[in-house]
Amino acid sequence: TLETSNFAKSSKDPNAVAISRGIPKWYTGRRYLALAPSWALVKIEDEALFRRLFHEQVLSKLDPETVFDELGHDAILLCWEAPGKFCHRRVLAEWFENALGVTVNER
């Protein structure tokens, strides 16, 4: 099942997929840049504004079913934020949940 996590916790997992613009120097796993917010979006601190712009600029251009299939149903989507902090991976999880009826848990 699709999951989310961060580099510190899950980067060594063979199903890990980085979904951020920048990655740790030591990370050698898969990347899926289509889900990475731009640097301008990353700098936005207002959660509601970030959500709106991320949907407009990124998610509206993608088909959730295609992305889900390309990632693999057992992918672990990674970025930098610690669990519990607002992050685009939670927005992605909600996007998949709403569009596909799947559950995406944080690891």
Protein backbone atom coordinates (compact mmCIF):
# COMPACT_ATOMS: atom_id res chain seq x y z
CA THR A 1 0.00 0.00 0.00
CA LEU A 2 1.21 3.53 -0.76
CA GLU A 3 2.80 5.30 2.21
CA THR A 4 4.53 8.58 3.03
CA SER A 5 7.60 9.19 5.14
CA ASN A 6 10.76 11.28 5.30
CA PHE A 7 14.37 10.75 4.25
CA ALA A 8 15.61 10.28 7.81
CA LYS A 9 13.23 7.43 8.50
CA SER A 10 12.71 5.52 5.25
CA SER A 11 15.33 6.42 2.64
CA LYS A 12 16.96 2.98 2.76
CA ASP A 13 13.71 1.16 1.94
CA PRO A 14 13.81 -0.28 -1.60
CA ASN A 15 10.31 1.13 -2.25
CA ALA A 16 11.33 4.70 -1.35
CA VAL A 17 10.65 7.40 -3.93
CA ALA A 18 11.87 10.98 -3.40
CA ILE A 19 9.21 13.57 -4.23
CA SER A 20 11.18 16.71 -3.39
CA ARG A 21 13.30 19.08 -5.50
CA GLY A 22 16.36 18.57 -3.35
CA ILE A 23 17.52 15.28 -1.90
CA PRO A 24 20.17 14.32 0.65
CA LYS A 25 23.62 13.84 -0.88
CA TRP A 26 23.61 10.22 0.24
CA TYR A 27 20.19 9.34 -1.22
CA THR A 28 20.50 7.02 -4.23
CA GLY A 29 16.92 5.78 -4.60
CA ARG A 30 14.19 6.57 -7.11
CA ARG A 31 12.83 10.07 -7.71
CA TYR A 32 9.52 11.30 -9.09
CA LEU A 33 10.01 15.00 -9.77
CA ALA A 34 6.52 15.55 -11.19
CA LEU A 35 5.29 15.54 -7.55
CA ALA A 36 7.95 17.92 -6.25
CA PRO A 37 6.81 21.46 -5.50
CA SER A 38 8.82 24.28 -7.05
CA TRP A 39 11.30 26.17 -4.88
CA ALA A 40 8.87 29.11 -4.86
CA LEU A 41 6.10 26.88 -3.47
CA VAL A 42 8.40 25.39 -0.83
CA LYS A 43 8.97 28.89 0.58
CA ILE A 44 5.24 29.49 1.18
CA GLU A 45 4.48 29.25 4.89
CA ASP A 46 0.69 29.70 4.70
CA GLU A 47 -0.74 26.16 4.55
CA ALA A 48 -4.00 27.11 2.81
CA LEU A 49 -2.17 29.11 0.15
CA PHE A 50 0.36 26.31 -0.38
CA ARG A 51 -2.43 23.74 -0.78
CA ARG A 52 -4.26 25.88 -3.33
CA LEU A 53 -1.17 26.67 -5.38
CA PHE A 54 0.18 23.10 -5.22
CA HIS A 55 -3.15 21.83 -6.57
CA GLU A 56 -3.19 24.49 -9.30
CA GLN A 57 0.45 24.27 -10.34
CA VAL A 58 1.19 20.57 -9.85
CA LEU A 59 -1.70 18.22 -9.17
CA SER A 60 -4.14 19.65 -11.71
CA LYS A 61 -1.68 18.69 -14.45
CA LEU A 62 -1.43 15.06 -13.36
CA ASP A 63 -3.71 12.03 -13.51
CA PRO A 64 -3.77 10.37 -10.07
CA GLU A 65 -4.31 6.88 -11.48
CA THR A 66 -1.35 7.19 -13.85
CA VAL A 67 0.89 8.58 -11.11
CA PHE A 68 -0.20 5.83 -8.71
CA ASP A 69 0.63 3.17 -11.31
CA GLU A 70 4.00 4.75 -12.18
CA LEU A 71 5.01 5.02 -8.53
CA GLY A 72 3.98 1.47 -7.72
CA HIS A 73 1.30 0.58 -5.23
CA ASP A 74 3.90 -0.12 -2.53
CA ALA A 75 5.89 3.11 -2.94
CA ILE A 76 6.96 5.18 0.06
CA LEU A 77 6.86 8.86 -0.87
CA LEU A 78 9.73 10.76 0.76
CA CYS A 79 10.51 14.38 1.46
CA TRP A 80 12.24 16.28 4.26
CA GLU A 81 9.64 17.16 6.88
CA ALA A 82 9.33 15.19 10.10
CA PRO A 83 6.11 13.21 10.63
CA GLY A 84 3.33 15.39 12.00
CA LYS A 85 4.60 18.62 10.39
CA PHE A 86 2.68 20.06 7.47
CA CYS A 87 4.21 18.89 4.23
CA HIS A 88 3.26 18.42 0.59
CA ARG A 89 3.34 14.65 1.03
CA ARG A 90 0.17 14.93 3.17
CA VAL A 91 -1.46 16.93 0.36
CA LEU A 92 -0.45 14.16 -2.04
CA ALA A 93 -1.83 11.50 0.28
CA GLU A 94 -5.18 13.31 0.40
CA TRP A 95 -5.14 13.69 -3.39
CA PHE A 96 -4.69 9.93 -3.85
CA GLU A 97 -7.25 9.12 -1.16
CA ASN A 98 -9.90 11.43 -2.65
CA ALA A 99 -9.26 10.50 -6.27
CA LEU A 100 -8.68 6.76 -5.94
CA GLY A 101 -10.30 5.77 -2.66
CA VAL A 102 -7.03 4.38 -1.30
CA THR A 103 -5.61 4.92 2.17
CA VAL A 104 -2.15 6.48 2.34
CA ASN A 105 -0.58 6.18 5.78
CA GLU A 106 2.42 8.02 7.20
CA ARG A 107 5.16 5.59 8.18
